[in-house]
Protein backbone atom coordinates (compact mmCIF):
# COMPACT_ATOMS: atom_id res chain seq x y z
CA MET A 1 -52.08 -48.24 -48.12
CA THR A 2 -49.85 -50.13 -45.73
CA ALA A 3 -48.64 -48.81 -42.44
CA THR A 4 -45.00 -49.33 -41.65
CA ILE A 5 -43.85 -49.59 -38.09
CA GLU A 6 -40.22 -49.27 -37.25
CA ARG A 7 -39.20 -51.54 -34.42
CA THR A 8 -36.02 -51.45 -32.49
CA THR A 9 -34.58 -54.92 -32.38
CA ALA A 10 -31.22 -56.43 -31.83
CA ARG A 11 -30.69 -56.41 -35.59
CA THR A 12 -31.53 -52.75 -36.10
CA THR A 13 -29.51 -51.36 -33.23
CA ALA A 14 -25.80 -50.83 -33.23
CA PRO A 15 -23.94 -53.28 -31.04
CA ALA A 16 -23.20 -51.84 -27.64
CA ALA A 17 -19.63 -51.46 -26.66
CA GLU A 18 -18.65 -54.70 -25.02
CA THR A 19 -17.27 -54.40 -21.57
CA THR A 20 -14.71 -56.81 -20.35
CA ARG A 21 -15.08 -57.68 -16.71
CA THR A 22 -11.69 -58.00 -15.08
CA THR A 23 -12.72 -58.42 -11.46
CA GLU A 24 -14.26 -61.50 -9.96
CA THR A 25 -16.87 -61.64 -7.27
CA THR A 26 -16.19 -63.06 -3.84
CA ARG A 27 -18.38 -66.03 -4.71
CA GLU A 28 -16.42 -66.75 -7.91
CA ARG A 29 -13.11 -66.54 -6.06
CA ALA A 30 -14.37 -68.79 -3.26
CA THR A 31 -15.67 -71.29 -5.84
CA ARG A 32 -12.28 -71.36 -7.58
CA TYR A 33 -10.52 -72.09 -4.31
CA VAL A 34 -13.02 -74.72 -3.18
CA LEU A 35 -12.68 -76.54 -6.52
CA GLY A 36 -8.89 -76.21 -6.35
CA GLY A 37 -8.98 -77.73 -2.86
CA ILE A 38 -11.20 -80.58 -4.05
CA ARG A 39 -8.75 -81.22 -6.91
CA LEU A 40 -5.88 -81.41 -4.42
CA ALA A 41 -7.85 -83.77 -2.17
CA LEU A 42 -8.67 -86.12 -5.03
CA GLY A 43 -5.08 -85.95 -6.27
CA TRP A 44 -3.85 -86.97 -2.84
CA THR A 45 -6.43 -89.79 -2.74
CA PHE A 46 -5.03 -91.27 -5.96
CA LEU A 47 -1.39 -90.69 -5.01
CA TRP A 48 -1.89 -92.17 -1.53
CA ALA A 49 -3.41 -95.33 -3.04
CA PHE A 50 -0.32 -95.62 -5.24
CA LEU A 51 2.12 -95.07 -2.36
CA ASP A 52 0.34 -97.50 -0.04
CA LYS A 53 0.24 -100.25 -2.68
CA MET A 54 3.80 -99.58 -3.82
CA PHE A 55 5.46 -99.53 -0.39
CA GLY A 56 2.94 -101.32 1.84
CA LEU A 57 2.55 -98.44 4.26
CA GLY A 58 0.13 -100.46 6.35
CA HIS A 59 -3.06 -98.55 5.74
CA GLU A 60 -4.67 -100.95 3.30
CA THR A 61 -1.58 -102.82 2.14
CA ALA A 62 0.75 -104.68 4.49
CA ALA A 63 4.48 -104.30 3.85
CA LYS A 64 4.79 -107.96 2.88
CA ASN A 65 2.18 -107.43 0.12
CA ALA A 66 3.73 -104.22 -1.27
CA TRP A 67 4.36 -104.10 -4.99
CA ILE A 68 8.01 -103.30 -4.33
CA ASN A 69 8.23 -106.56 -2.34
CA GLY A 70 6.73 -108.66 -5.13
CA GLY A 71 3.06 -108.31 -4.20
CA SER A 72 0.35 -107.60 -6.73
CA PRO A 73 -1.73 -104.44 -6.33
CA THR A 74 -4.66 -106.00 -8.22
CA LYS A 75 -4.67 -109.64 -7.15
CA GLY A 76 -6.33 -109.44 -3.74
CA PHE A 77 -9.18 -107.08 -4.55
CA LEU A 78 -9.94 -108.40 -8.02
CA SER A 79 -9.76 -112.03 -6.84
CA PHE A 80 -11.77 -111.74 -3.65
CA GLY A 81 -13.52 -108.34 -3.68
CA ALA A 82 -15.05 -108.40 -7.16
CA ALA A 83 -18.74 -109.28 -7.30
CA GLY A 84 -21.71 -109.00 -9.61
CA PRO A 85 -21.95 -109.31 -13.37
CA PHE A 86 -18.29 -108.46 -14.07
CA LYS A 87 -16.81 -110.76 -11.43
CA GLY A 88 -15.47 -113.24 -13.99
CA PHE A 89 -13.79 -110.51 -16.01
CA TYR A 90 -12.06 -109.01 -12.98
CA ASN A 91 -11.11 -112.41 -11.54
CA GLY A 92 -9.51 -113.18 -14.91
CA ILE A 93 -7.19 -110.16 -14.89
CA ALA A 94 -6.39 -110.28 -11.15
CA GLY A 95 -2.64 -110.29 -10.64
CA ALA A 96 -1.76 -109.97 -14.34
CA ALA A 97 1.46 -108.00 -14.74
CA TRP A 98 -0.07 -105.69 -17.36
CA ALA A 99 -3.05 -104.97 -15.06
CA ASP A 100 -0.72 -104.23 -12.13
CA TRP A 101 1.38 -101.86 -14.24
CA LEU A 102 -1.61 -100.05 -15.76
CA PHE A 103 -3.26 -99.68 -12.37
CA MET A 104 -0.16 -98.39 -10.61
CA VAL A 105 0.98 -96.05 -13.39
CA GLY A 106 -2.60 -94.77 -13.60
CA LEU A 107 -2.84 -94.09 -9.86
CA ALA A 108 0.51 -92.29 -9.81
CA ALA A 109 -0.05 -90.24 -12.97
CA ILE A 110 -3.60 -89.22 -12.05
CA GLY A 111 -2.52 -88.29 -8.52
CA VAL A 112 0.50 -86.24 -9.58
CA ALA A 113 -1.38 -84.47 -12.39
CA LEU A 114 -4.25 -83.51 -10.10
CA LEU A 115 -1.92 -82.36 -7.32
CA LEU A 116 0.08 -80.20 -9.73
CA GLY A 117 -2.97 -78.96 -11.63
CA VAL A 118 -1.51 -79.98 -15.00
CA GLY A 119 -3.21 -82.15 -17.58
CA THR A 120 -6.41 -82.05 -15.55
CA ARG A 121 -8.58 -82.99 -18.53
CA ILE A 122 -6.60 -86.16 -19.15
CA ALA A 123 -6.24 -86.93 -15.44
CA ALA A 124 -9.97 -86.41 -14.86
CA THR A 125 -10.87 -88.61 -17.82
CA ALA A 126 -8.48 -91.38 -16.81
CA GLY A 127 -9.48 -91.06 -13.15
CA GLY A 128 -13.17 -91.17 -14.05
CA LEU A 129 -12.62 -94.28 -16.17
CA LEU A 130 -10.66 -95.98 -13.37
CA LEU A 131 -13.35 -95.10 -10.82
CA VAL A 132 -16.18 -96.38 -13.03
CA MET A 133 -14.25 -99.62 -13.54
CA MET A 134 -13.82 -99.93 -9.77
CA TRP A 135 -17.57 -99.33 -9.41
CA THR A 136 -18.32 -102.13 -11.89
CA ALA A 137 -16.09 -104.46 -9.87
CA VAL A 138 -18.38 -104.21 -6.82
CA LEU A 139 -21.82 -104.21 -8.43
CA PRO A 140 -24.23 -103.92 -6.79
CA PRO A 141 -22.74 -101.52 -4.25
CA GLU A 142 -23.03 -102.47 -0.62
CA ASN A 143 -25.22 -99.60 0.62
CA ASN A 144 -27.27 -98.56 -2.41
CA PRO A 145 -28.84 -100.27 -5.43
CA PHE A 146 -26.47 -98.52 -7.86
CA MET A 147 -24.86 -95.35 -6.47
CA ASP A 148 -21.59 -95.25 -4.55
CA ASP A 149 -18.63 -92.98 -3.94
CA HIS A 150 -16.82 -94.13 -7.09
CA LEU A 151 -19.51 -92.61 -9.32
CA ILE A 152 -19.64 -89.42 -7.25
CA TYR A 153 -15.86 -89.00 -7.45
CA ALA A 154 -16.01 -89.59 -11.22
CA ALA A 155 -18.64 -86.86 -11.54
CA VAL A 156 -16.55 -84.48 -9.42
CA LEU A 157 -13.54 -85.17 -11.65
CA ALA A 158 -15.66 -84.24 -14.68
CA VAL A 159 -16.58 -80.93 -13.03
CA LEU A 160 -12.94 -80.21 -12.21
CA ALA A 161 -11.94 -80.80 -15.84
CA LEU A 162 -14.77 -78.64 -17.18
CA VAL A 163 -13.98 -75.62 -15.01
CA GLY A 164 -10.20 -75.76 -15.36
CA ALA A 165 -9.63 -76.35 -11.66
CA GLY A 166 -5.89 -76.74 -12.21
CA ASP A 167 -5.53 -72.96 -12.56
CA THR A 168 -6.18 -72.30 -8.86
CA LEU A 169 -3.74 -73.73 -6.31
CA GLY A 170 -1.94 -75.41 -9.20
CA LEU A 171 0.24 -74.93 -12.23
CA GLY A 172 -2.61 -74.98 -14.75
CA ARG A 173 -2.08 -71.45 -16.06
CA THR A 174 1.61 -72.07 -16.66
CA TRP A 175 0.82 -75.47 -18.20
CA LYS A 176 -1.64 -73.88 -20.67
CA ARG A 177 1.07 -71.54 -21.95
CA LEU A 178 3.35 -74.40 -23.04
CA ALA A 179 3.63 -74.64 -26.83
CA ILE A 180 2.63 -78.30 -26.94
CA VAL A 181 -0.47 -77.66 -24.82
CA GLN A 182 -1.46 -74.73 -27.02
CA ARG A 183 -1.01 -76.94 -30.08
CA PHE A 184 -2.96 -79.83 -28.50
CA PRO A 185 -5.60 -78.28 -26.18
CA TRP A 186 -6.78 -81.72 -25.03
CA LEU A 187 -3.59 -81.82 -22.94
CA ARG A 188 -5.00 -79.18 -20.61
């Protein structure tokens, strides 16, 4: 004779009524706003770099070297600032028209997208790629064997994309409702 024991398990019990939580905790709200603020700060960082290189606002780029005045936004840094194993590659593309255009369009598009909170996945991916390329241009970094602010910013951009940071202090929620974004979710 065999004894049978009835056990209550997840399979034998009826599913509990699922509750949908509609309120957020203070910590969750604060986190959303902190990440939204970080997104805005990084967006301004990219947009400022574009504006300074475009118009020579005197912070890093003198007016005479502004792109609008015929200067090259890539020539100086890639010619004289590049070091390490990729120095030859970066020296080779320094001042090339296609490199200038890609760099400037990238800075502007990443900056505007992050500031507006739209296309944050694409902006974060492109921004991360640009930052990693800038990191490879200065290998090894000046103050650490391998880590510098470019890699940290790239990691922060990844976090912003993963959590949908464009929804807070941005137009991300409205952007997500657009038909094209719903059809192609990678545009978020």
